[in-house]
Protein backbone atom coordinates (compact mmCIF):
# COMPACT_ATOMS: atom_id res chain seq x y z
CA MET A 1 0.00 0.00 0.00
CA SER A 2 1.29 3.50 -0.79
CA SER A 3 -0.04 7.04 -0.36
CA SER A 4 0.77 10.38 -1.95
CA PHE A 5 0.20 13.76 -0.34
CA ASN A 6 -0.57 16.83 -2.44
CA ALA A 7 0.07 14.67 -5.50
CA GLY A 8 1.34 16.52 -8.55
CA VAL A 9 2.17 19.68 -6.59
CA PRO A 10 5.76 20.40 -5.40
CA GLY A 11 5.96 20.17 -1.61
CA GLU A 12 7.55 22.68 0.71
CA PRO A 13 10.10 21.76 3.39
CA GLY A 14 8.39 21.44 6.74
CA ASP A 15 4.89 20.62 5.37
CA VAL A 16 2.99 18.52 7.93
CA TYR A 17 0.15 16.10 7.19
CA HIS A 18 -2.06 14.39 9.77
CA ILE A 19 -3.57 10.96 9.02
CA ASP A 20 -5.63 8.57 11.12
CA ASN A 21 -7.83 5.47 11.11
CA ILE A 22 -6.41 3.69 8.07
CA LYS A 23 -8.13 0.33 7.75
CA LEU A 24 -9.21 -2.25 5.22
CA SER A 25 -12.96 -2.69 4.88
CA PRO A 26 -15.00 -5.34 3.08
CA ALA A 27 -16.33 -4.37 -0.32
CA PRO A 28 -19.75 -2.68 -0.09
CA SER A 29 -22.51 -5.19 -0.46
CA ALA A 30 -26.26 -5.57 -0.80
CA PRO A 31 -28.42 -7.32 1.81
CA PRO A 32 -28.01 -11.13 1.58
CA ILE A 33 -30.17 -12.94 -0.93
CA GLU A 34 -30.11 -16.19 1.04
CA ASP A 35 -28.47 -16.92 4.42
CA PHE A 36 -30.87 -19.59 5.77
CA GLN A 37 -31.16 -17.72 9.07
CA GLY A 38 -34.78 -17.63 10.22
CA GLY A 39 -36.01 -19.74 7.33
CA ILE A 40 -35.62 -19.93 3.55
CA HIS A 41 -35.81 -16.82 1.36
CA LEU A 42 -35.70 -18.39 -2.12
CA GLY A 43 -37.70 -21.29 -3.51
CA TRP A 44 -35.00 -24.00 -3.58
CA GLN A 45 -35.63 -27.22 -5.50
CA ALA A 46 -34.13 -29.63 -8.01
CA LEU A 47 -34.30 -28.14 -11.50
CA ASP A 48 -37.88 -28.44 -12.70
CA GLN A 49 -38.58 -30.55 -9.56
CA ASN A 50 -36.91 -33.55 -11.20
CA ASP A 51 -35.31 -35.10 -8.11
CA PRO A 52 -33.93 -38.33 -9.68
CA ILE A 53 -31.96 -36.38 -12.28
CA HIS A 54 -31.24 -33.14 -10.45
CA GLY A 55 -31.01 -34.20 -6.82
CA THR A 56 -32.60 -32.93 -3.62
CA PHE A 57 -32.40 -29.82 -1.43
CA LEU A 58 -32.57 -29.90 2.35
CA GLY A 59 -32.47 -26.85 4.56
CA PRO A 60 -31.95 -25.09 6.73
CA VAL A 61 -29.67 -27.65 8.39
CA ASN A 62 -27.06 -27.27 11.11
CA ASN A 63 -23.67 -26.10 9.88
CA PRO A 64 -21.59 -29.32 9.96
CA THR A 65 -18.15 -27.65 10.22
CA PRO A 66 -18.22 -23.94 11.15
CA ASN A 67 -15.00 -22.01 10.56
CA SER A 68 -13.80 -18.42 10.26
CA VAL A 69 -15.26 -18.14 6.75
CA ASN A 70 -18.75 -19.25 7.76
CA ASN A 71 -19.79 -19.73 11.36
CA SER A 72 -23.52 -19.52 10.63
CA THR A 73 -25.67 -21.91 12.58
CA GLN A 74 -27.92 -22.76 9.62
CA VAL A 75 -26.94 -23.55 6.00
CA GLY A 76 -28.33 -25.16 2.85
CA CYS A 77 -27.67 -28.79 1.95
CA TYR A 78 -27.82 -30.24 -1.58
CA THR A 79 -27.46 -33.84 -2.75
CA LYS A 80 -26.60 -34.34 -6.42
CA GLY A 81 -28.82 -36.38 -8.72
CA SER A 82 -27.89 -38.83 -11.46
CA SER A 83 -27.07 -36.22 -14.11
CA ALA A 84 -23.48 -35.07 -14.62
CA PHE A 85 -25.04 -31.61 -14.77
CA SER A 86 -27.30 -32.04 -11.76
CA THR A 87 -28.74 -28.58 -11.12
CA LEU A 88 -30.10 -26.82 -8.03
CA GLN A 89 -32.68 -24.13 -8.72
CA GLY A 90 -33.54 -21.11 -6.54
CA ILE A 91 -36.54 -18.99 -7.52
CA SER A 92 -36.95 -15.39 -6.33
CA LEU A 93 -40.14 -13.37 -6.07
CA THR A 94 -38.21 -10.21 -6.98
CA ASN A 95 -35.66 -9.62 -9.73
CA PHE A 96 -31.95 -9.32 -8.92
CA ASP A 97 -30.52 -5.82 -9.41
CA LEU A 98 -26.92 -6.03 -10.66
CA SER A 99 -26.50 -2.37 -11.55
CA VAL A 100 -24.59 -1.48 -8.34
CA TYR A 101 -23.41 -4.85 -7.03
CA PRO A 102 -22.65 -7.08 -10.05
CA GLN A 103 -20.61 -9.74 -8.22
CA ILE A 104 -22.42 -12.74 -6.74
CA ASN A 105 -20.74 -14.44 -3.75
CA LEU A 106 -21.51 -17.85 -2.30
CA ASP A 107 -20.04 -19.73 0.65
CA VAL A 108 -19.46 -23.38 -0.26
CA LEU A 109 -18.44 -26.44 1.75
CA SER A 110 -17.39 -29.06 -0.80
CA PRO A 111 -16.68 -32.79 -0.49
CA ALA A 112 -13.04 -33.81 -0.11
CA GLY A 113 -12.56 -34.01 -3.89
CA GLY A 114 -13.44 -30.36 -4.48
CA GLY A 115 -14.12 -29.32 -8.06
CA THR A 116 -15.89 -26.34 -9.59
CA VAL A 117 -19.08 -24.43 -8.95
CA THR A 118 -21.08 -22.95 -11.83
CA LEU A 119 -23.54 -20.22 -10.91
CA ILE A 120 -26.22 -19.36 -13.46
CA LEU A 121 -28.64 -16.43 -13.49
CA ASN A 122 -31.75 -17.00 -15.57
CA SER A 123 -33.57 -14.23 -17.43
CA PRO A 124 -36.91 -14.94 -19.15
CA THR A 125 -35.90 -12.59 -22.00
CA GLN A 126 -32.12 -13.07 -22.21
CA GLY A 127 -31.71 -16.70 -21.18
CA ASN A 128 -28.97 -18.13 -18.95
CA LYS A 129 -25.83 -16.21 -18.05
CA GLU A 130 -23.17 -18.09 -16.12
CA ALA A 131 -19.84 -17.80 -14.33
CA GLU A 132 -17.59 -20.46 -12.83
CA ALA A 133 -15.28 -20.64 -9.81
CA THR A 134 -12.88 -23.34 -8.64
CA ILE A 135 -12.77 -24.83 -5.15
CA THR A 136 -9.39 -24.15 -3.50
CA THR A 137 -9.96 -25.59 0.01
CA PRO A 138 -11.88 -28.87 -0.39
CA GLY A 139 -13.66 -29.99 2.76
CA GLU A 140 -13.69 -26.47 4.27
CA TRP A 141 -15.96 -23.47 3.92
CA GLU A 142 -14.72 -20.91 1.41
CA THR A 143 -16.24 -17.89 -0.33
CA LEU A 144 -16.48 -18.04 -4.10
CA GLY A 145 -16.99 -14.95 -6.26
CA PHE A 146 -18.78 -14.81 -9.62
CA ASP A 147 -18.42 -11.78 -11.90
CA PHE A 148 -21.67 -10.84 -13.67
CA SER A 149 -20.68 -7.26 -14.52
CA ALA A 150 -21.05 -7.98 -18.24
CA PHE A 151 -24.75 -8.65 -17.62
CA SER A 152 -25.48 -5.78 -15.23
CA GLY A 153 -27.87 -4.23 -17.75
CA ILE A 154 -30.25 -7.20 -17.60
CA THR A 155 -33.05 -6.35 -15.19
CA ASP A 156 -35.22 -9.48 -15.14
CA PHE A 157 -32.97 -12.10 -13.50
CA SER A 158 -35.38 -13.90 -11.19
CA GLU A 159 -33.80 -17.30 -10.77
CA VAL A 160 -30.41 -18.64 -9.71
CA ARG A 161 -29.13 -22.09 -10.66
CA ILE A 162 -26.09 -23.82 -9.22
CA ILE A 163 -24.19 -26.77 -10.69
CA PHE A 164 -21.63 -28.36 -8.41
CA ASN A 165 -18.75 -29.94 -10.35
CA ALA A 166 -20.38 -29.66 -13.76
CA GLY A 167 -19.72 -32.59 -16.07
CA THR A 168 -19.03 -35.07 -13.27
CA ALA A 169 -21.63 -37.73 -12.49
CA SER A 170 -21.63 -38.30 -8.72
CA ALA A 171 -25.15 -39.13 -7.59
CA GLY A 172 -25.59 -38.83 -3.83
CA GLN A 173 -22.66 -36.45 -3.34
CA ILE A 174 -23.45 -33.79 -0.69
CA TRP A 175 -22.55 -30.10 -0.94
CA TYR A 176 -23.31 -27.37 1.63
CA PHE A 177 -23.78 -23.72 0.67
CA ASP A 178 -24.69 -20.45 2.38
CA ASN A 179 -24.62 -16.65 2.27
CA LEU A 180 -25.66 -16.04 -1.32
CA GLY A 181 -25.18 -12.29 -1.76
CA GLN A 182 -23.99 -9.41 -3.92
CA THR A 183 -20.99 -7.06 -3.68
CA GLU A 184 -18.98 -4.70 -5.83
CA ILE A 185 -16.42 -6.42 -8.05
CA THR A 186 -13.50 -7.74 -5.99
CA ILE A 187 -12.22 -10.60 -8.17
CA ASP A 188 -9.82 -10.34 -11.07
CA PRO A 189 -11.18 -12.49 -13.90
CA CYS A 190 -7.80 -12.37 -15.63
CA ALA A 191 -5.70 -13.60 -12.72
CA ASP A 192 -3.21 -16.29 -13.78
CA VAL A 193 -4.12 -15.94 -17.46
CA ILE A 194 -1.07 -16.63 -19.63
CA PRO A 195 -0.64 -14.17 -22.54
CA VAL A 196 -1.00 -15.64 -26.03
CA PRO A 197 1.51 -13.74 -28.19
CA ASN A 198 -0.43 -13.90 -31.45
CA ILE A 199 -3.53 -12.34 -29.83
CA VAL A 200 -3.21 -8.58 -30.11
CA ASP A 201 -6.35 -7.64 -28.13
CA ASP A 202 -9.55 -9.44 -27.18
CA PHE A 203 -10.62 -6.64 -24.78
CA GLU A 204 -10.89 -9.16 -21.98
CA CYS A 205 -7.79 -10.94 -20.63
CA GLN A 206 -5.56 -10.94 -23.71
CA ARG A 207 -4.65 -7.26 -23.91
CA ASN A 208 -1.09 -7.81 -24.96
CA TYR A 209 0.17 -4.71 -26.76
CA VAL A 210 0.31 -0.95 -26.36
CA GLN A 211 -2.53 0.87 -28.06
CA ILE A 212 -1.91 4.02 -30.04
CA PHE A 213 -4.84 6.05 -31.25
CA TYR A 214 -5.66 8.19 -34.26
CA GLY A 215 -8.48 10.69 -34.43
CA ALA A 216 -10.38 12.44 -31.68
CA SER A 217 -11.78 9.48 -29.77
CA ASP A 218 -10.06 6.61 -27.97
CA LEU A 219 -10.85 2.94 -28.03
CA GLU A 220 -12.59 1.93 -24.80
CA VAL A 221 -13.55 -1.44 -23.37
CA ALA A 222 -17.32 -1.91 -23.24
CA ASN A 223 -19.83 -4.67 -22.64
CA ASN A 224 -20.65 -6.31 -25.96
CA PRO A 225 -23.96 -4.71 -27.03
CA HIS A 226 -24.35 -7.21 -29.86
CA LEU A 227 -24.06 -10.68 -28.37
CA THR A 228 -24.71 -13.07 -31.24
CA ALA A 229 -23.60 -16.49 -32.41
CA ASP A 230 -20.97 -14.71 -34.52
CA ASN A 231 -19.39 -13.13 -31.45
CA GLY A 232 -20.29 -14.21 -27.93
CA SER A 233 -17.47 -12.25 -26.24
CA LEU A 234 -18.62 -10.34 -23.17
CA LYS A 235 -16.23 -7.42 -23.73
CA VAL A 236 -15.36 -5.53 -26.93
CA GLY A 237 -13.60 -2.33 -27.92
CA GLU A 238 -15.83 0.66 -28.63
CA TYR A 239 -14.53 3.35 -30.99
CA THR A 240 -16.33 6.48 -32.18
CA GLY A 241 -14.70 7.89 -35.28
CA PRO A 242 -14.27 11.67 -35.44
CA ALA A 243 -16.61 13.47 -37.81
CA GLY A 244 -15.89 16.29 -40.19
CA GLY A 245 -13.06 17.26 -42.52
CA GLY A 246 -9.49 16.15 -41.96
CA THR A 247 -10.49 12.74 -40.63
CA GLU A 248 -9.84 10.70 -43.76
CA PHE A 249 -7.24 8.63 -41.92
CA ALA A 250 -8.82 8.24 -38.48
CA GLY A 251 -8.61 4.88 -36.82
CA ILE A 252 -6.95 2.79 -34.14
CA GLY A 253 -3.52 1.26 -33.83
CA PHE A 254 -1.34 -1.09 -31.84
CA GLU A 255 2.40 -0.92 -31.20
CA PHE A 256 4.45 -4.08 -30.67
CA SER A 257 7.57 -4.30 -28.55
CA ALA A 258 9.23 -6.11 -31.48
CA PRO A 259 8.18 -6.75 -35.09
CA PRO A 260 5.78 -9.71 -35.19
CA ASP A 261 7.05 -12.89 -36.81
CA LEU A 262 4.88 -13.26 -39.91
CA SER A 263 6.51 -16.42 -41.23
CA LEU A 264 3.52 -18.56 -40.16
CA TYR A 265 0.98 -16.27 -38.50
CA ASN A 266 0.66 -13.76 -41.32
CA HIS A 267 -3.09 -13.23 -41.57
CA LEU A 268 -4.69 -10.50 -39.48
CA SER A 269 -8.08 -11.56 -38.13
CA VAL A 270 -10.38 -8.82 -36.78
CA GLN A 271 -14.07 -8.75 -35.94
CA VAL A 272 -15.85 -5.43 -36.50
CA TRP A 273 -19.41 -4.18 -36.02
CA ALA A 274 -19.99 -1.14 -38.23
CA PRO A 275 -22.97 1.25 -38.10
CA PHE A 276 -23.63 1.18 -41.86
CA ASP A 277 -22.98 -0.78 -45.05
CA ASN A 278 -20.06 -0.63 -47.47
CA VAL A 279 -17.48 0.87 -45.15
CA PRO A 280 -13.95 1.05 -46.61
CA PHE A 281 -11.14 -0.03 -44.27
CA MET A 282 -7.38 0.14 -44.60
CA PHE A 283 -5.02 -2.11 -42.66
CA LYS A 284 -1.42 -0.94 -42.43
CA LEU A 285 1.88 -2.22 -41.07
CA GLU A 286 4.48 0.49 -40.53
CA GLY A 287 7.40 1.48 -38.37
CA ASN A 288 10.47 0.49 -40.38
CA GLY A 289 10.75 1.45 -44.03
CA GLN A 290 7.90 1.62 -46.49
CA GLY A 291 4.59 0.59 -44.93
CA VAL A 292 2.36 -2.21 -46.20
CA GLU A 293 -1.25 -1.13 -46.87
CA ILE A 294 -4.19 -3.39 -47.65
CA PHE A 295 -7.71 -2.14 -48.39
CA ASP A 296 -10.90 -4.09 -47.78
CA THR A 297 -14.61 -3.29 -47.47
CA LEU A 298 -17.09 -4.19 -44.77
CA THR A 299 -20.09 -4.74 -47.01
CA GLU A 300 -22.89 -5.29 -44.49
CA GLY A 301 -23.26 -3.16 -41.39
CA ASN A 302 -25.04 -3.86 -38.10
CA LYS A 303 -23.66 -7.36 -37.82
CA TRP A 304 -20.32 -8.84 -36.78
CA HIS A 305 -17.97 -9.00 -39.76
CA LYS A 306 -14.70 -10.92 -39.67
CA PHE A 307 -11.83 -9.50 -41.69
CA ASP A 308 -9.13 -11.89 -42.89
CA ILE A 309 -6.29 -9.67 -44.08
CA ASP A 310 -3.45 -11.42 -45.87
CA PHE A 311 -0.09 -9.94 -44.82
CA SER A 312 1.95 -12.84 -46.18
CA GLY A 313 3.52 -10.36 -48.59
CA ALA A 314 5.01 -8.56 -45.58
CA VAL A 315 7.04 -11.56 -44.38
CA GLY A 316 10.55 -10.39 -43.61
CA THR A 317 9.65 -6.76 -42.93
CA LEU A 318 10.40 -5.23 -39.53
CA HIS A 319 7.28 -3.15 -38.91
CA ASN A 320 6.19 -2.79 -35.29
CA LYS A 321 2.91 -0.90 -35.67
CA LEU A 322 -0.49 -2.08 -36.86
CA ILE A 323 -3.06 0.56 -37.79
CA ILE A 324 -6.71 0.00 -38.73
CA PHE A 325 -8.36 2.93 -40.51
CA THR A 326 -12.17 3.00 -40.30
CA ASN A 327 -14.14 4.58 -43.13
CA VAL A 328 -10.81 5.44 -44.69
CA LEU A 329 -10.72 8.47 -47.01
CA SER A 330 -14.25 9.46 -46.02
CA PRO A 331 -14.64 13.26 -46.05
CA THR A 332 -17.25 13.06 -43.26
CA GLY A 333 -16.09 10.24 -40.94
CA GLY A 334 -18.09 9.61 -37.78
CA GLY A 335 -19.93 6.53 -36.56
CA THR A 336 -19.45 4.16 -33.64
CA TYR A 337 -17.62 0.90 -34.30
CA PHE A 338 -17.02 -2.15 -32.12
CA PHE A 339 -13.82 -4.20 -32.44
CA ASP A 340 -12.96 -7.59 -31.06
CA ASN A 341 -10.55 -10.51 -31.30
CA VAL A 342 -7.71 -8.73 -33.04
CA ARG A 343 -5.16 -11.48 -33.63
CA TRP A 344 -2.51 -12.85 -35.93
CA ALA A 345 -3.67 -16.10 -37.51
CA ARG A 346 -2.26 -18.59 -39.94
CA ALA A 347 -3.71 -19.04 -43.41
CA GLY A 348 -6.76 -21.26 -43.67
CA TYR A 349 -5.98 -24.97 -44.03
CA ASN A 350 -5.68 -26.00 -47.65
CA GLY A 351 -3.51 -28.38 -49.62
CA CYS A 352 -1.47 -30.99 -47.73
CA ILE A 353 -2.39 -30.59 -44.08
CA VAL A 354 -1.26 -33.96 -42.65
CA ASP A 355 1.69 -36.03 -43.82
CA ASN A 356 3.14 -36.89 -40.38
CA GLU A 357 6.62 -35.88 -41.52
CA ALA A 358 7.04 -32.16 -40.78
CA PRO A 359 5.93 -30.41 -37.55
CA LEU A 360 3.46 -28.23 -39.44
CA THR A 361 1.74 -31.26 -40.93
CA THR A 362 1.57 -33.50 -37.86
CA PHE A 363 -1.59 -33.38 -35.74
CA ASP A 364 -2.65 -35.07 -32.54
CA PHE A 365 -5.76 -37.17 -33.10
CA LYS A 366 -7.67 -38.22 -29.97
CA TYR A 367 -9.86 -41.35 -29.88
CA PHE A 368 -13.52 -41.37 -28.84
CA ALA A 369 -16.12 -44.15 -28.43
CA ASN A 370 -13.17 -46.54 -28.71
CA ASP A 371 -13.40 -48.73 -25.60
CA VAL A 372 -10.09 -48.86 -23.68
CA LEU A 373 -8.52 -46.34 -26.08
CA GLU A 374 -11.07 -43.64 -25.21
CA ASN A 375 -9.38 -40.21 -24.76
CA THR A 376 -5.95 -41.53 -25.76
CA PHE A 377 -4.09 -40.39 -28.86
CA ALA A 378 -3.49 -42.34 -32.07
CA GLU A 379 0.14 -43.30 -32.65
CA ILE A 380 2.39 -42.06 -35.45
CA ILE A 381 4.50 -45.05 -36.55
CA ASP A 382 6.82 -46.18 -39.34
CA ASN A 383 5.06 -46.81 -42.63
CA PRO A 384 4.26 -50.58 -42.58
CA ASN A 385 4.24 -50.85 -46.37
CA PRO A 386 6.10 -48.13 -48.31
CA SER A 387 4.99 -48.27 -51.94
CA THR A 388 4.62 -46.16 -55.05
CA ILE A 389 1.48 -44.37 -53.88
CA ASN A 390 2.88 -43.67 -50.41
CA THR A 391 6.59 -43.70 -49.67
CA SER A 392 6.24 -41.62 -46.48
CA SER A 393 8.34 -42.71 -43.54
CA LYS A 394 5.63 -41.98 -40.94
CA VAL A 395 1.87 -42.63 -40.89
CA ILE A 396 -1.04 -42.61 -38.42
CA LYS A 397 -1.99 -45.96 -36.92
CA PHE A 398 -5.75 -46.13 -36.29
CA VAL A 399 -6.81 -48.95 -33.96
CA LYS A 400 -10.47 -49.87 -33.64
CA ALA A 401 -10.59 -51.56 -30.25
CA ALA A 402 -12.14 -55.00 -29.74
CA ASN A 403 -15.29 -53.62 -28.10
CA ALA A 404 -15.43 -50.19 -29.72
CA LEU A 405 -18.74 -48.64 -30.65
CA PRO A 406 -19.72 -48.60 -34.35
CA PHE A 407 -18.99 -44.84 -34.50
CA ALA A 408 -15.53 -45.03 -32.93
CA GLY A 409 -13.20 -42.45 -34.39
CA MET A 410 -10.57 -39.80 -33.70
CA TYR A 411 -10.55 -36.01 -33.95
CA THR A 412 -7.97 -33.23 -34.10
CA ASP A 413 -7.19 -32.14 -30.56
CA PRO A 414 -6.81 -29.26 -30.10
CA ASN A 415 -8.96 -27.87 -32.89
CA LEU A 416 -7.34 -26.49 -36.02
CA GLU A 417 -5.80 -23.07 -35.42
CA SER A 418 -7.52 -21.62 -38.50
CA PRO A 419 -10.59 -22.76 -40.42
CA ILE A 420 -10.58 -25.05 -43.42
CA ASP A 421 -10.28 -22.97 -46.59
CA TRP A 422 -11.50 -24.94 -49.60
CA LYS A 423 -10.27 -22.55 -52.25
CA GLY A 424 -13.18 -23.70 -54.38
CA VAL A 425 -12.35 -27.43 -54.39
CA LYS A 426 -14.47 -29.06 -51.67
CA THR A 427 -12.81 -32.43 -51.30
CA VAL A 428 -10.75 -34.19 -48.65
CA ARG A 429 -8.31 -36.82 -49.89
CA ALA A 430 -6.36 -39.32 -47.80
CA ASN A 431 -4.24 -42.42 -48.29
CA VAL A 432 -5.50 -45.45 -46.36
CA HIS A 433 -4.11 -48.94 -45.80
CA MET A 434 -6.58 -51.55 -44.50
CA ASP A 435 -6.53 -55.34 -44.18
CA HIS A 436 -10.24 -55.61 -45.00
CA ILE A 437 -12.98 -53.94 -47.02
CA GLY A 438 -14.68 -51.26 -44.94
CA ASN A 439 -14.76 -47.50 -45.19
CA LEU A 440 -13.03 -44.26 -44.32
CA ALA A 441 -15.37 -41.51 -43.13
CA VAL A 442 -14.48 -37.84 -42.75
CA LYS A 443 -16.50 -35.46 -40.59
CA LEU A 444 -16.27 -31.67 -40.57
CA GLU A 445 -17.43 -29.93 -37.40
CA GLY A 446 -16.66 -27.04 -35.09
CA SER A 447 -17.97 -24.40 -37.51
CA ALA A 448 -17.20 -20.83 -36.41
CA THR A 449 -20.31 -19.65 -38.29
CA GLY A 450 -22.77 -22.22 -36.94
CA ALA A 451 -22.85 -24.34 -40.10
CA PRO A 452 -24.00 -27.94 -39.60
CA ALA A 453 -21.52 -30.78 -39.30
CA PHE A 454 -21.01 -33.00 -42.35
CA GLU A 455 -20.11 -36.70 -42.08
CA ILE A 456 -19.42 -38.75 -45.23
CA PRO A 457 -18.12 -42.37 -45.46
CA VAL A 458 -16.40 -43.74 -48.58
CA ALA A 459 -15.69 -47.45 -49.05
CA ASN A 460 -12.17 -48.67 -49.76
CA THR A 461 -11.61 -51.08 -52.65
CA LEU A 462 -8.10 -52.44 -51.96
CA VAL A 463 -6.75 -54.66 -49.20
CA ASN A 464 -3.25 -54.65 -47.70
CA GLN A 465 -2.04 -51.83 -49.90
CA TRP A 466 -2.21 -48.07 -49.95
CA GLU A 467 -5.18 -46.49 -51.68
CA GLU A 468 -6.20 -42.85 -52.10
CA ILE A 469 -9.79 -42.13 -51.07
CA THR A 470 -11.59 -38.91 -52.02
CA VAL A 471 -14.48 -37.55 -49.95
CA ASN A 472 -16.67 -34.99 -51.74
CA PHE A 473 -18.02 -32.13 -49.62
CA ALA A 474 -19.79 -30.23 -52.40
CA ALA A 475 -22.79 -29.53 -50.12
CA VAL A 476 -20.68 -27.74 -47.48
CA PRO A 477 -21.35 -23.96 -47.29
CA ASP A 478 -18.56 -21.72 -48.56
CA ASN A 479 -18.35 -19.89 -45.22
CA GLY A 480 -18.47 -22.99 -43.00
CA GLU A 481 -15.14 -22.18 -41.32
CA TYR A 482 -14.78 -25.69 -39.86
CA ARG A 483 -12.05 -26.11 -37.23
CA ARG A 484 -12.29 -29.78 -36.37
CA LEU A 485 -11.49 -32.75 -38.57
CA THR A 486 -12.81 -36.13 -37.41
CA LEU A 487 -11.88 -39.46 -39.01
CA PHE A 488 -13.58 -42.86 -38.73
CA VAL A 489 -12.56 -46.28 -39.96
CA ASP A 490 -15.51 -48.61 -40.56
CA LEU A 491 -18.14 -46.09 -39.51
CA GLY A 492 -21.39 -47.89 -38.68
CA ILE A 493 -19.72 -51.31 -38.64
CA ASP A 494 -19.64 -53.29 -35.40
CA ALA A 495 -16.30 -54.06 -33.78
CA THR A 496 -14.95 -57.56 -34.42
CA GLY A 497 -14.04 -58.54 -30.85
CA SER A 498 -10.35 -58.06 -31.66
CA ASP A 499 -8.29 -54.92 -32.19
CA VAL A 500 -8.14 -53.96 -35.88
CA ALA A 501 -5.32 -51.69 -37.10
CA SER A 502 -5.57 -49.49 -40.18
CA TYR A 503 -3.25 -46.74 -41.41
CA ILE A 504 -3.93 -43.19 -42.63
CA ASP A 505 -1.60 -40.67 -44.26
CA ASP A 506 -1.34 -37.68 -46.61
CA ILE A 507 -4.57 -35.81 -45.87
CA VAL A 508 -5.20 -33.11 -48.47
CA ILE A 509 -7.90 -30.43 -48.45
CA GLY A 510 -8.88 -29.20 -51.91
CA ASP A 511 -6.05 -29.09 -54.44
CA GLY A 512 -2.43 -29.93 -53.83
CA GLN A 513 -0.52 -33.02 -52.80
CA CYS A 514 1.72 -34.18 -50.03
CA GLY A 515 5.40 -34.73 -50.53
CA VAL A 516 8.75 -33.10 -49.87
CA GLY A 517 8.48 -29.36 -50.46
CA GLN A 518 4.72 -29.53 -50.98
CA HIS A 519 3.51 -28.57 -47.49
CA PHE A 520 1.06 -25.70 -47.94
CA GLN A 521 2.74 -24.59 -51.16
CA PRO A 522 -0.51 -24.17 -53.13
CA ARG A 523 -1.96 -22.10 -50.29
CA LEU A 524 1.14 -19.92 -49.90
CA MET A 525 1.27 -19.18 -53.61
CA GLN A 526 -2.42 -18.21 -53.54
CA CYS A 527 -1.68 -15.92 -50.57
CA ARG A 528 1.04 -14.10 -52.47
CA CYS A 529 -1.12 -13.72 -55.56
CA ALA A 530 -4.04 -12.50 -53.46
CA TYR A 531 -1.77 -9.94 -51.86
CA LEU A 532 -0.60 -8.60 -55.22
CA ARG A 533 -4.19 -8.45 -56.48
CA THR A 534 -5.23 -6.56 -53.35
CA GLN A 535 -2.43 -4.03 -53.81
CA LEU A 536 -3.32 -3.47 -57.45
CA GLN A 537 -7.01 -3.09 -56.60
CA ALA A 538 -6.17 -0.64 -53.83
CA SER A 539 -3.99 1.45 -56.15
CA PHE A 540 -6.76 1.53 -58.75
CA TRP A 541 -9.37 2.43 -56.12
CA TRP A 542 -7.16 5.25 -54.77
CA LYS A 543 -6.59 6.65 -58.25
CA THR A 544 -10.31 6.48 -59.09
CA TRP A 545 -11.26 8.19 -55.82
CA LYS A 546 -8.86 11.07 -56.37
CA GLU A 547 -10.20 11.63 -59.89
């Protein structure tokens, strides 16, 4: 703790200050919502009164182990039901007001195993809003804090729901809770968050670079006023562009401590909500030598738009500033914009994405529905049968366990860093080696735009030799932005009672082929051509505008 006297004003020798009664006080709080003293204040029950699935509530009961955190005589007692998401429901006759005290606190006495507590506020008009906290002292009372400041504008929360250790089935497990109440914000939601270098700013916990501003107004963090499936972030950056003459190059910027490495992460991804249609933007790297400028247009306003700006042509430059010009070259300017998820990303996946030889084309595939192999990773092994079609040294070994389910498979874990980019050719090709006639199925899922998953099996025709199989995804939407690739061998076919090994290699999306020197080459060449086209278009647009 430190104090300053007459801050900012030069002191005089001999000045005397008198101070007294310095103390730490609890954060201001609202009257308790539920403390179980003198009865029950909320209507507590299993969710929808479904006791077998969602457990049972008992209270008030005697506090089994009072301590300095909670020495109340009476507390609430909850026994979990059969569901892994067994839910306790508390109904209020009056709505919760979060405008002054947006943090919800709850005293919890957990079983010895501890876990997490998910607290959900339910609004009839806005649905469920939730926050999670982790138990740190299992078997003892502790106070957990839940930050709902992002939802402080919702005025019809009338129900609280609590899930103890969400995702874990533990029917009959007993949890005690008490002192549900509200305070000012005292918790840091970004504590212990590790910075991700390629995220420039998400306006929440990844605020990793110095901001520099252009124009009359600064970029400020605000609650997301446009929560949609396209962007569910709670916090965004709000920017009001200056209006009037002389604002043709108003915008926002970021300064890096060192030039970013664009060798792999050379696409700038930015989400923007603009107040009107057809807004011209310019994205610029500068700071060392001639800057790199790329123009693009946000065609449809009043919705979240994701820019994908290809800076692969700037690889090798030493620029340390990124500037985003809104409504660039507009003689009037103005308008309020919202920014989010400014980050460096790699190019979309296209061409040879898996050959198990180079680090950039080797993925971890995790098994599911595969009996004893559940949640383990498929092995990368020596090619069991090098031949003309596949001379690779390493391949993926897919084992369908003896008692696997018919839909046993494996998926990329973690998800792909960037979405699949078809480049117009919507096929997935792979080399397979099987000792029987069955099928290879490919599933696309994890769409960033909410597109449906697609799952297509294709039968193999050869046994005990490598064969290339092509899966046609012509029906997939152009903007699917899928980030998970799932593979099955013998989809829909029952396990044999013995482990069955098959081999997969050289997975190609769209055009291209795997082989030495072929990793992502089609995609990189397209990036460079796209960059040159963009520059030419920008030069033409600039010339036309001036005339």
